[in-house]
Amino acid sequence: NPTARRMFGWEGVNVVGKNVLHYLPSPVQIELTRPL
């Protein structure tokens, strides 16, 4: 949704169908990779 795009800086980036770990901010990626 637009709120998540704004928080993660995804405006103008087509992330649908892409691996989410490649687009998450670095601190989020480090925390979420293993739990996901």
Full PDB file with SEQRES, HELIX, SHEET, SSBOND, CRYST1, ORIGX, SCALE, CONECT and MASTER records, all heavy atoms in Angstrom:
SEQRES   1 A   36  ASN PRO THR ALA ARG ARG MET PHE GLY TRP GLU GLY VAL          
SEQRES   2 A   36  ASN VAL VAL GLY LYS ASN VAL LEU HIS TYR LEU PRO SER          
SEQRES   3 A   36  PRO VAL GLN ILE GLU LEU THR ARG PRO LEU                      
HELIX    1 AA1 PRO A    2  PHE A    8  1                                   7    
HELIX    2 AA2 VAL A   20  HIS A   22  5                                   3    
HELIX    3 AA3 SER A   26  LEU A   32  1                                   7    
CRYST1    1.000    1.000    1.000  90.00  90.00  90.00 P 1           1          
ORIGX1      1.000000  0.000000  0.000000        0.00000                         
ORIGX2      0.000000  1.000000  0.000000        0.00000                         
ORIGX3      0.000000  0.000000  1.000000        0.00000                         
SCALE1      1.000000  0.000000  0.000000        0.00000                         
SCALE2      0.000000  1.000000  0.000000        0.00000                         
SCALE3      0.000000  0.000000  1.000000        0.00000                         
ATOM      1  N   ASN A   1       0.833  -1.203   0.000  1.00  0.00           N  
ATOM      2  CA  ASN A   1       0.000   0.000   0.000  1.00  0.00           C  
ATOM      3  C   ASN A   1       0.871   1.258   0.000  1.00  0.00           C  
ATOM      4  O   ASN A   1       2.083   1.199   0.250  1.00  0.00           O  
ATOM      5  CB  ASN A   1      -0.974  -0.009   1.174  1.00  0.00           C  
ATOM      6  CG  ASN A   1      -0.286   0.205   2.509  1.00  0.00           C  
ATOM      7  OD1 ASN A   1       0.919   0.057   2.625  1.00  0.00           O  
ATOM      8  ND2 ASN A   1      -1.049   0.555   3.521  1.00  0.00           N  
ATOM      9  N   PRO A   2       0.285   2.426  -0.296  1.00  0.00           N  
ATOM     10  CA  PRO A   2       1.078   3.663  -0.392  1.00  0.00           C  
ATOM     11  C   PRO A   2       1.824   4.014   0.886  1.00  0.00           C  
ATOM     12  O   PRO A   2       2.914   4.578   0.830  1.00  0.00           O  
ATOM     13  CB  PRO A   2       0.021   4.718  -0.742  1.00  0.00           C  
ATOM     14  CG  PRO A   2      -1.087   3.969  -1.403  1.00  0.00           C  
ATOM     15  CD  PRO A   2      -1.118   2.646  -0.711  1.00  0.00           C  
ATOM     16  N   THR A   3       1.240   3.702   2.057  1.00  0.00           N  
ATOM     17  CA  THR A   3       1.919   4.034   3.313  1.00  0.00           C  
ATOM     18  C   THR A   3       3.234   3.283   3.444  1.00  0.00           C  
ATOM     19  O   THR A   3       4.262   3.867   3.834  1.00  0.00           O  
ATOM     20  CB  THR A   3       1.002   3.694   4.502  1.00  0.00           C  
ATOM     21  OG1 THR A   3      -0.254   4.367   4.350  1.00  0.00           O  
ATOM     22  CG2 THR A   3       1.641   4.121   5.807  1.00  0.00           C  
ATOM     23  N   ALA A   4       3.243   1.998   3.102  1.00  0.00           N  
ATOM     24  CA  ALA A   4       4.486   1.226   3.162  1.00  0.00           C  
ATOM     25  C   ALA A   4       5.498   1.744   2.135  1.00  0.00           C  
ATOM     26  O   ALA A   4       6.707   1.787   2.403  1.00  0.00           O  
ATOM     27  CB  ALA A   4       4.185  -0.254   2.928  1.00  0.00           C  
ATOM     28  N   ARG A   5       5.022   2.128   0.950  1.00  0.00           N  
ATOM     29  CA  ARG A   5       5.931   2.697  -0.052  1.00  0.00           C  
ATOM     30  C   ARG A   5       6.608   3.955   0.481  1.00  0.00           C  
ATOM     31  O   ARG A   5       7.809   4.174   0.267  1.00  0.00           O  
ATOM     32  CB  ARG A   5       5.161   3.009  -1.334  1.00  0.00           C  
ATOM     33  CG  ARG A   5       4.709   1.779  -2.117  1.00  0.00           C  
ATOM     34  CD  ARG A   5       4.021   2.195  -3.415  1.00  0.00           C  
ATOM     35  NE  ARG A   5       3.580   1.041  -4.183  1.00  0.00           N  
ATOM     36  CZ  ARG A   5       4.351   0.395  -5.055  1.00  0.00           C  
ATOM     37  NH1 ARG A   5       5.595   0.815  -5.258  1.00  0.00           N  
ATOM     38  NH2 ARG A   5       3.889  -0.646  -5.715  1.00  0.00           N  
ATOM     39  N   ARG A   6       5.831   4.784   1.167  1.00  0.00           N  
ATOM     40  CA  ARG A   6       6.405   6.032   1.685  1.00  0.00           C  
ATOM     41  C   ARG A   6       7.397   5.752   2.808  1.00  0.00           C  
ATOM     42  O   ARG A   6       8.459   6.381   2.866  1.00  0.00           O  
ATOM     43  CB  ARG A   6       5.273   6.931   2.183  1.00  0.00           C  
ATOM     44  CG  ARG A   6       5.750   8.297   2.651  1.00  0.00           C  
ATOM     45  CD  ARG A   6       4.599   9.187   3.064  1.00  0.00           C  
ATOM     46  NE  ARG A   6       3.888   8.671   4.224  1.00  0.00           N  
ATOM     47  CZ  ARG A   6       2.714   8.077   4.186  1.00  0.00           C  
ATOM     48  NH1 ARG A   6       2.090   7.918   3.024  1.00  0.00           N  
ATOM     49  NH2 ARG A   6       2.131   7.637   5.291  1.00  0.00           N  
ATOM     50  N   MET A   7       7.076   4.813   3.701  1.00  0.00           N  
ATOM     51  CA  MET A   7       7.974   4.532   4.815  1.00  0.00           C  
ATOM     52  C   MET A   7       9.292   3.915   4.354  1.00  0.00           C  
ATOM     53  O   MET A   7      10.359   4.222   4.901  1.00  0.00           O  
ATOM     54  CB  MET A   7       7.285   3.593   5.813  1.00  0.00           C  
ATOM     55  CG  MET A   7       6.139   4.218   6.581  1.00  0.00           C  
ATOM     56  SD  MET A   7       5.461   3.062   7.799  1.00  0.00           S  
ATOM     57  CE  MET A   7       4.179   4.071   8.535  1.00  0.00           C  
ATOM     58  N   PHE A   8       9.230   3.037   3.346  1.00  0.00           N  
ATOM     59  CA  PHE A   8      10.425   2.339   2.877  1.00  0.00           C  
ATOM     60  C   PHE A   8      11.096   3.035   1.696  1.00  0.00           C  
ATOM     61  O   PHE A   8      12.085   2.527   1.162  1.00  0.00           O  
ATOM     62  CB  PHE A   8      10.082   0.898   2.489  1.00  0.00           C  
ATOM     63  CG  PHE A   8       9.732   0.023   3.658  1.00  0.00           C  
ATOM     64  CD1 PHE A   8       8.842  -1.039   3.514  1.00  0.00           C  
ATOM     65  CD2 PHE A   8      10.282   0.256   4.901  1.00  0.00           C  
ATOM     66  CE1 PHE A   8       8.524  -1.852   4.597  1.00  0.00           C  
ATOM     67  CE2 PHE A   8       9.969  -0.552   5.990  1.00  0.00           C  
ATOM     68  CZ  PHE A   8       9.092  -1.596   5.835  1.00  0.00           C  
ATOM     69  N   GLY A   9      10.542   4.177   1.246  1.00  0.00           N  
ATOM     70  CA  GLY A   9      11.140   4.893   0.129  1.00  0.00           C  
ATOM     71  C   GLY A   9      10.968   4.173  -1.192  1.00  0.00           C  
ATOM     72  O   GLY A   9      11.870   4.191  -2.046  1.00  0.00           O  
ATOM     73  N   TRP A  10       9.813   3.554  -1.390  1.00  0.00           N  
ATOM     74  CA  TRP A  10       9.556   2.798  -2.621  1.00  0.00           C  
ATOM     75  C   TRP A  10       8.734   3.578  -3.639  1.00  0.00           C  
ATOM     76  O   TRP A  10       8.248   2.994  -4.610  1.00  0.00           O  
ATOM     77  CB  TRP A  10       8.821   1.496  -2.297  1.00  0.00           C  
ATOM     78  CG  TRP A  10       9.663   0.501  -1.565  1.00  0.00           C  
ATOM     79  CD1 TRP A  10      11.007   0.530  -1.386  1.00  0.00           C  
ATOM     80  CD2 TRP A  10       9.208  -0.688  -0.894  1.00  0.00           C  
ATOM     81  NE1 TRP A  10      11.429  -0.550  -0.652  1.00  0.00           N  
ATOM     82  CE2 TRP A  10      10.345  -1.319  -0.337  1.00  0.00           C  
ATOM     83  CE3 TRP A  10       7.964  -1.272  -0.721  1.00  0.00           C  
ATOM     84  CZ2 TRP A  10      10.266  -2.500   0.382  1.00  0.00           C  
ATOM     85  CZ3 TRP A  10       7.874  -2.450   0.005  1.00  0.00           C  
ATOM     86  CH2 TRP A  10       9.026  -3.066   0.544  1.00  0.00           C  
ATOM     87  N   GLU A  11       8.553   4.896  -3.445  1.00  0.00           N  
ATOM     88  CA  GLU A  11       7.766   5.648  -4.418  1.00  0.00           C  
ATOM     89  C   GLU A  11       8.466   5.606  -5.776  1.00  0.00           C  
ATOM     90  O   GLU A  11       9.666   5.869  -5.886  1.00  0.00           O  
ATOM     91  CB  GLU A  11       7.591   7.113  -3.990  1.00  0.00           C  
ATOM     92  CG  GLU A  11       6.685   7.291  -2.790  1.00  0.00           C  
ATOM     93  CD  GLU A  11       7.444   7.337  -1.493  1.00  0.00           C  
ATOM     94  OE1 GLU A  11       8.606   6.860  -1.475  1.00  0.00           O  
ATOM     95  OE2 GLU A  11       6.903   7.850  -0.488  1.00  0.00           O  
ATOM     96  N   GLY A  12       7.685   5.271  -6.798  1.00  0.00           N  
ATOM     97  CA  GLY A  12       8.234   5.204  -8.146  1.00  0.00           C  
ATOM     98  C   GLY A  12       9.004   3.938  -8.449  1.00  0.00           C  
ATOM     99  O   GLY A  12       9.580   3.803  -9.533  1.00  0.00           O  
ATOM    100  N   VAL A  13       9.050   3.002  -7.500  1.00  0.00           N  
ATOM    101  CA  VAL A  13       9.773   1.738  -7.701  1.00  0.00           C  
ATOM    102  C   VAL A  13       8.761   0.606  -7.758  1.00  0.00           C  
ATOM    103  O   VAL A  13       7.911   0.483  -6.878  1.00  0.00           O  
ATOM    104  CB  VAL A  13      10.784   1.487  -6.562  1.00  0.00           C  
ATOM    105  CG1 VAL A  13      11.535   0.174  -6.796  1.00  0.00           C  
ATOM    106  CG2 VAL A  13      11.758   2.648  -6.451  1.00  0.00           C  
ATOM    107  N   ASN A  14       8.839  -0.206  -8.800  1.00  0.00           N  
ATOM    108  CA  ASN A  14       7.930  -1.344  -8.954  1.00  0.00           C  
ATOM    109  C   ASN A  14       8.508  -2.536  -8.202  1.00  0.00           C  
ATOM    110  O   ASN A  14       9.415  -3.217  -8.680  1.00  0.00           O  
ATOM    111  CB  ASN A  14       7.747  -1.681 -10.435  1.00  0.00           C  
ATOM    112  CG  ASN A  14       6.742  -2.807 -10.636  1.00  0.00           C  
ATOM    113  OD1 ASN A  14       5.940  -3.105  -9.744  1.00  0.00           O  
ATOM    114  ND2 ASN A  14       6.772  -3.440 -11.791  1.00  0.00           N  
ATOM    115  N   VAL A  15       7.994  -2.774  -6.995  1.00  0.00           N  
ATOM    116  CA  VAL A  15       8.496  -3.873  -6.170  1.00  0.00           C  
ATOM    117  C   VAL A  15       7.594  -5.097  -6.228  1.00  0.00           C  
ATOM    118  O   VAL A  15       7.971  -6.155  -5.704  1.00  0.00           O  
ATOM    119  CB  VAL A  15       8.651  -3.403  -4.708  1.00  0.00           C  
ATOM    120  CG1 VAL A  15       9.679  -2.307  -4.604  1.00  0.00           C  
ATOM    121  CG2 VAL A  15       7.311  -2.939  -4.142  1.00  0.00           C  
ATOM    122  N   VAL A  16       6.422  -4.976  -6.834  1.00  0.00           N  
ATOM    123  CA  VAL A  16       5.499  -6.115  -6.918  1.00  0.00           C  
ATOM    124  C   VAL A  16       6.122  -7.182  -7.817  1.00  0.00           C  
ATOM    125  O   VAL A  16       6.569  -6.906  -8.931  1.00  0.00           O  
ATOM    126  CB  VAL A  16       4.133  -5.678  -7.461  1.00  0.00           C  
ATOM    127  CG1 VAL A  16       3.213  -6.885  -7.621  1.00  0.00           C  
ATOM    128  CG2 VAL A  16       3.501  -4.638  -6.553  1.00  0.00           C  
ATOM    129  N   GLY A  17       6.151  -8.409  -7.305  1.00  0.00           N  
ATOM    130  CA  GLY A  17       6.762  -9.501  -8.051  1.00  0.00           C  
ATOM    131  C   GLY A  17       8.252  -9.624  -7.820  1.00  0.00           C  
ATOM    132  O   GLY A  17       8.882 -10.537  -8.354  1.00  0.00           O  
ATOM    133  N   LYS A  18       8.832  -8.726  -7.018  1.00  0.00           N  
ATOM    134  CA  LYS A  18      10.269  -8.765  -6.736  1.00  0.00           C  
ATOM    135  C   LYS A  18      10.498  -9.296  -5.320  1.00  0.00           C  
ATOM    136  O   LYS A  18       9.610  -9.286  -4.475  1.00  0.00           O  
ATOM    137  CB  LYS A  18      10.874  -7.364  -6.868  1.00  0.00           C  
ATOM    138  CG  LYS A  18      10.547  -6.667  -8.176  1.00  0.00           C  
ATOM    139  CD  LYS A  18      11.186  -7.353  -9.362  1.00  0.00           C  
ATOM    140  CE  LYS A  18      10.852  -6.630 -10.667  1.00  0.00           C  
ATOM    141  NZ  LYS A  18      11.309  -5.243 -10.672  1.00  0.00           N  
ATOM    142  N   ASN A  19      11.733  -9.739  -5.074  1.00  0.00           N  
ATOM    143  CA  ASN A  19      12.105 -10.224  -3.740  1.00  0.00           C  
ATOM    144  C   ASN A  19      12.142  -9.061  -2.774  1.00  0.00           C  
ATOM    145  O   ASN A  19      12.885  -8.097  -2.960  1.00  0.00           O  
ATOM    146  CB  ASN A  19      13.468 -10.915  -3.795  1.00  0.00           C  
ATOM    147  CG  ASN A  19      13.760 -11.696  -2.528  1.00  0.00           C  
ATOM    148  OD1 ASN A  19      13.603 -11.206  -1.427  1.00  0.00           O  
ATOM    149  ND2 ASN A  19      14.180 -12.941  -2.692  1.00  0.00           N  
ATOM    150  N   VAL A  20      11.357  -9.140  -1.716  1.00  0.00           N  
ATOM    151  CA  VAL A  20      11.225  -8.016  -0.789  1.00  0.00           C  
ATOM    152  C   VAL A  20      12.535  -7.726  -0.066  1.00  0.00           C  
ATOM    153  O   VAL A  20      12.829  -6.575   0.291  1.00  0.00           O  
ATOM    154  CB  VAL A  20      10.091  -8.303   0.226  1.00  0.00           C  
ATOM    155  CG1 VAL A  20      10.487  -9.425   1.165  1.00  0.00           C  
ATOM    156  CG2 VAL A  20       9.733  -7.048   1.012  1.00  0.00           C  
ATOM    157  N   LEU A  21      13.376  -8.757   0.148  1.00  0.00           N  
ATOM    158  CA  LEU A  21      14.628  -8.559   0.870  1.00  0.00           C  
ATOM    159  C   LEU A  21      15.609  -7.698   0.092  1.00  0.00           C  
ATOM    160  O   LEU A  21      16.533  -7.123   0.674  1.00  0.00           O  
ATOM    161  CB  LEU A  21      15.263  -9.913   1.198  1.00  0.00           C  
ATOM    162  CG  LEU A  21      14.444 -10.828   2.120  1.00  0.00           C  
ATOM    163  CD1 LEU A  21      15.130 -12.169   2.297  1.00  0.00           C  
ATOM    164  CD2 LEU A  21      14.223 -10.166   3.474  1.00  0.00           C  
ATOM    165  N   HIS A  22      15.427  -7.599  -1.225  1.00  0.00           N  
ATOM    166  CA  HIS A  22      16.331  -6.794  -2.047  1.00  0.00           C  
ATOM    167  C   HIS A  22      15.991  -5.312  -1.987  1.00  0.00           C  
ATOM    168  O   HIS A  22      16.796  -4.483  -2.445  1.00  0.00           O  
ATOM    169  CB  HIS A  22      16.286  -7.272  -3.494  1.00  0.00           C  
ATOM    170  CG  HIS A  22      16.776  -8.671  -3.668  1.00  0.00           C  
ATOM    171  ND1 HIS A  22      16.559  -9.418  -4.816  1.00  0.00           N  
ATOM    172  CD2 HIS A  22      17.455  -9.495  -2.811  1.00  0.00           C  
ATOM    173  CE1 HIS A  22      17.089 -10.625  -4.680  1.00  0.00           C  
ATOM    174  NE2 HIS A  22      17.630 -10.693  -3.467  1.00  0.00           N  
ATOM    175  N   TYR A  23      14.819  -4.960  -1.459  1.00  0.00           N  
ATOM    176  CA  TYR A  23      14.368  -3.574  -1.478  1.00  0.00           C  
ATOM    177  C   TYR A  23      14.157  -2.985  -0.086  1.00  0.00           C  
ATOM    178  O   TYR A  23      13.947  -1.786   0.036  1.00  0.00           O  
ATOM    179  CB  TYR A  23      13.057  -3.454  -2.279  1.00  0.00           C  
ATOM    180  CG  TYR A  23      13.234  -3.747  -3.749  1.00  0.00           C  
ATOM    181  CD1 TYR A  23      13.119  -5.039  -4.238  1.00  0.00           C  
ATOM    182  CD2 TYR A  23      13.529  -2.733  -4.654  1.00  0.00           C  
ATOM    183  CE1 TYR A  23      13.286  -5.315  -5.588  1.00  0.00           C  
ATOM    184  CE2 TYR A  23      13.697  -2.990  -5.995  1.00  0.00           C  
ATOM    185  CZ  TYR A  23      13.574  -4.296  -6.468  1.00  0.00           C  
ATOM    186  OH  TYR A  23      13.743  -4.552  -7.792  1.00  0.00           O  
ATOM    187  N   LEU A  24      14.191  -3.811   0.951  1.00  0.00           N  
ATOM    188  CA  LEU A  24      14.001  -3.292   2.297  1.00  0.00           C  
ATOM    189  C   LEU A  24      15.207  -2.452   2.711  1.00  0.00           C  
ATOM    190  O   LEU A  24      16.342  -2.745   2.309  1.00  0.00           O  
ATOM    191  CB  LEU A  24      13.814  -4.439   3.293  1.00  0.00           C  
ATOM    192  CG  LEU A  24      12.490  -5.206   3.219  1.00  0.00           C  
ATOM    193  CD1 LEU A  24      12.533  -6.415   4.151  1.00  0.00           C  
ATOM    194  CD2 LEU A  24      11.316  -4.307   3.582  1.00  0.00           C  
ATOM    195  N   PRO A  25      14.993  -1.405   3.521  1.00  0.00           N  
ATOM    196  CA  PRO A  25      16.139  -0.666   4.062  1.00  0.00           C  
ATOM    197  C   PRO A  25      17.070  -1.597   4.831  1.00  0.00           C  
ATOM    198  O   PRO A  25      16.650  -2.612   5.394  1.00  0.00           O  
ATOM    199  CB  PRO A  25      15.482   0.370   4.983  1.00  0.00           C  
ATOM    200  CG  PRO A  25      14.092   0.529   4.447  1.00  0.00           C  
ATOM    201  CD  PRO A  25      13.694  -0.803   3.918  1.00  0.00           C  
ATOM    202  N   SER A  26      18.333  -1.242   4.867  1.00  0.00           N  
ATOM    203  CA  SER A  26      19.348  -2.121   5.451  1.00  0.00           C  
ATOM    204  C   SER A  26      19.030  -2.546   6.882  1.00  0.00           C  
ATOM    205  O   SER A  26      19.113  -3.741   7.207  1.00  0.00           O  
ATOM    206  CB  SER A  26      20.718  -1.441   5.385  1.00  0.00           C  
ATOM    207  OG  SER A  26      21.708  -2.281   5.953  1.00  0.00           O  
ATOM    208  N   PRO A  27      18.627  -1.625   7.789  1.00  0.00           N  
ATOM    209  CA  PRO A  27      18.321  -2.085   9.164  1.00  0.00           C  
ATOM    210  C   PRO A  27      17.159  -3.073   9.210  1.00  0.00           C  
ATOM    211  O   PRO A  27      17.178  -4.026   9.987  1.00  0.00           O  
ATOM    212  CB  PRO A  27      17.983  -0.786   9.903  1.00  0.00           C  
ATOM    213  CG  PRO A  27      18.596   0.308   9.099  1.00  0.00           C  
ATOM    214  CD  PRO A  27      18.539  -0.152   7.687  1.00  0.00           C  
ATOM    215  N   VAL A  28      16.152  -2.852   8.360  1.00  0.00           N  
ATOM    216  CA  VAL A  28      14.997  -3.750   8.325  1.00  0.00           C  
ATOM    217  C   VAL A  28      15.396  -5.102   7.749  1.00  0.00           C  
ATOM    218  O   VAL A  28      14.981  -6.160   8.238  1.00  0.00           O  
ATOM    219  CB  VAL A  28      13.857  -3.117   7.511  1.00  0.00           C  
ATOM    220  CG1 VAL A  28      12.650  -4.047   7.479  1.00  0.00           C  
ATOM    221  CG2 VAL A  28      13.465  -1.772   8.097  1.00  0.00           C  
ATOM    222  N   GLN A  29      16.195  -5.074   6.694  1.00  0.00           N  
ATOM    223  CA  GLN A  29      16.630  -6.328   6.074  1.00  0.00           C  
ATOM    224  C   GLN A  29      17.420  -7.184   7.053  1.00  0.00           C  
ATOM    225  O   GLN A  29      17.240  -8.402   7.128  1.00  0.00           O  
ATOM    226  CB  GLN A  29      17.478  -6.015   4.844  1.00  0.00           C  
ATOM    227  CG  GLN A  29      17.991  -7.254   4.109  1.00  0.00           C  
ATOM    228  CD  GLN A  29      18.892  -6.895   2.952  1.00  0.00           C  
ATOM    229  OE1 GLN A  29      19.150  -5.726   2.695  1.00  0.00           O  
ATOM    230  NE2 GLN A  29      19.390  -7.891   2.266  1.00  0.00           N  
ATOM    231  N   ILE A  30      18.295  -6.560   7.832  1.00  0.00           N  
ATOM    232  CA  ILE A  30      19.113  -7.312   8.790  1.00  0.00           C  
ATOM    233  C   ILE A  30      18.225  -7.969   9.855  1.00  0.00           C  
ATOM    234  O   ILE A  30      18.438  -9.120  10.246  1.00  0.00           O  
ATOM    235  CB  ILE A  30      20.144  -6.369   9.440  1.00  0.00           C  
ATOM    236  CG1 ILE A  30      21.156  -5.891   8.382  1.00  0.00           C  
ATOM    237  CG2 ILE A  30      20.865  -7.063  10.586  1.00  0.00           C  
ATOM    238  CD1 ILE A  30      22.112  -4.845   8.886  1.00  0.00           C  
ATOM    239  N   GLU A  31      17.194  -7.237  10.305  1.00  0.00           N  
ATOM    240  CA  GLU A  31      16.329  -7.757  11.372  1.00  0.00           C  
ATOM    241  C   GLU A  31      15.348  -8.813  10.884  1.00  0.00           C  
ATOM    242  O   GLU A  31      15.009  -9.747  11.618  1.00  0.00           O  
ATOM    243  CB  GLU A  31      15.559  -6.608  12.022  1.00  0.00           C  
ATOM    244  CG  GLU A  31      16.409  -5.655  12.842  1.00  0.00           C  
ATOM    245  CD  GLU A  31      16.856  -6.255  14.156  1.00  0.00           C  
ATOM    246  OE1 GLU A  31      16.277  -7.265  14.564  1.00  0.00           O  
ATOM    247  OE2 GLU A  31      17.798  -5.713  14.763  1.00  0.00           O  
ATOM    248  N   LEU A  32      14.868  -8.690   9.633  1.00  0.00           N  
ATOM    249  CA  LEU A  32      13.743  -9.523   9.177  1.00  0.00           C  
ATOM    250  C   LEU A  32      14.140 -10.748   8.381  1.00  0.00           C  
ATOM    251  O   LEU A  32      13.322 -11.649   8.198  1.00  0.00           O  
ATOM    252  CB  LEU A  32      12.783  -8.677   8.330  1.00  0.00           C  
ATOM    253  CG  LEU A  32      12.110  -7.490   9.001  1.00  0.00           C  
ATOM    254  CD1 LEU A  32      11.033  -6.917   8.088  1.00  0.00           C  
ATOM    255  CD2 LEU A  32      11.497  -7.872  10.329  1.00  0.00           C  
ATOM    256  N   THR A  33      15.346 -10.809   7.857  1.00  0.00           N  
ATOM    257  CA  THR A  33      15.707 -11.922   6.963  1.00  0.00           C  
ATOM    258  C   THR A  33      15.513 -13.273   7.640  1.00  0.00           C  
ATOM    259  O   THR A  33      14.813 -14.159   7.113  1.00  0.00           O  
ATOM    260  CB  THR A  33      17.160 -11.764   6.496  1.00  0.00           C  
ATOM    261  OG1 THR A  33      17.299 -10.536   5.777  1.00  0.00           O  
ATOM    262  CG2 THR A  33      17.543 -12.933   5.587  1.00  0.00           C  
ATOM    263  N   ARG A  34      16.104 -13.455   8.781  1.00  0.00           N  
ATOM    264  CA  ARG A  34      15.992 -14.752   9.475  1.00  0.00           C  
ATOM    265  C   ARG A  34      14.556 -15.048   9.919  1.00  0.00           C  
ATOM    266  O   ARG A  34      14.050 -16.156   9.674  1.00  0.00           O  
ATOM    267  CB  ARG A  34      16.955 -14.773  10.667  1.00  0.00           C  
ATOM    268  CG  ARG A  34      16.956 -16.096  11.432  1.00  0.00           C  
ATOM    269  CD  ARG A  34      17.954 -16.041  12.586  1.00  0.00           C  
ATOM    270  NE  ARG A  34      17.970 -17.294  13.333  1.00  0.00           N  
ATOM    271  CZ  ARG A  34      18.695 -18.338  13.040  1.00  0.00           C  
ATOM    272  NH1 ARG A  34      19.484 -18.281  11.960  1.00  0.00           N  
ATOM    273  NH2 ARG A  34      18.657 -19.440  13.769  1.00  0.00           N  
ATOM    274  N   PRO A  35      13.837 -14.107  10.563  1.00  0.00           N  
ATOM    275  CA  PRO A  35      12.443 -14.407  10.955  1.00  0.00           C  
ATOM    276  C   PRO A  35      11.534 -14.730   9.774  1.00  0.00           C  
ATOM    277  O   PRO A  35      10.644 -15.578   9.894  1.00  0.00           O  
ATOM    278  CB  PRO A  35      11.993 -13.123  11.662  1.00  0.00           C  
ATOM    279  CG  PRO A  35      13.254 -12.496  12.149  1.00  0.00           C  
ATOM    280  CD  PRO A  35      14.281 -12.818  11.124  1.00  0.00           C  
ATOM    281  N   LEU A  36      11.731 -14.082   8.634  1.00  0.00           N  
ATOM    282  CA  LEU A  36      10.885 -14.373   7.472  1.00  0.00           C  
ATOM    283  C   LEU A  36      11.056 -15.818   7.022  1.00  0.00           C  
ATOM    284  O   LEU A  36      10.070 -16.526   6.760  1.00  0.00           O  
ATOM    285  CB  LEU A  36      11.221 -13.421   6.327  1.00  0.00           C  
ATOM    286  CG  LEU A  36      10.691 -11.985   6.454  1.00  0.00           C  
ATOM    287  CD1 LEU A  36      11.214 -11.111   5.327  1.00  0.00           C  
ATOM    288  CD2 LEU A  36       9.173 -11.968   6.461  1.00  0.00           C  
TER     289      LEU A  36                                                      
MASTER        0    0    0    3    0    0    0    6  288    1    0    3          
END                                                                             
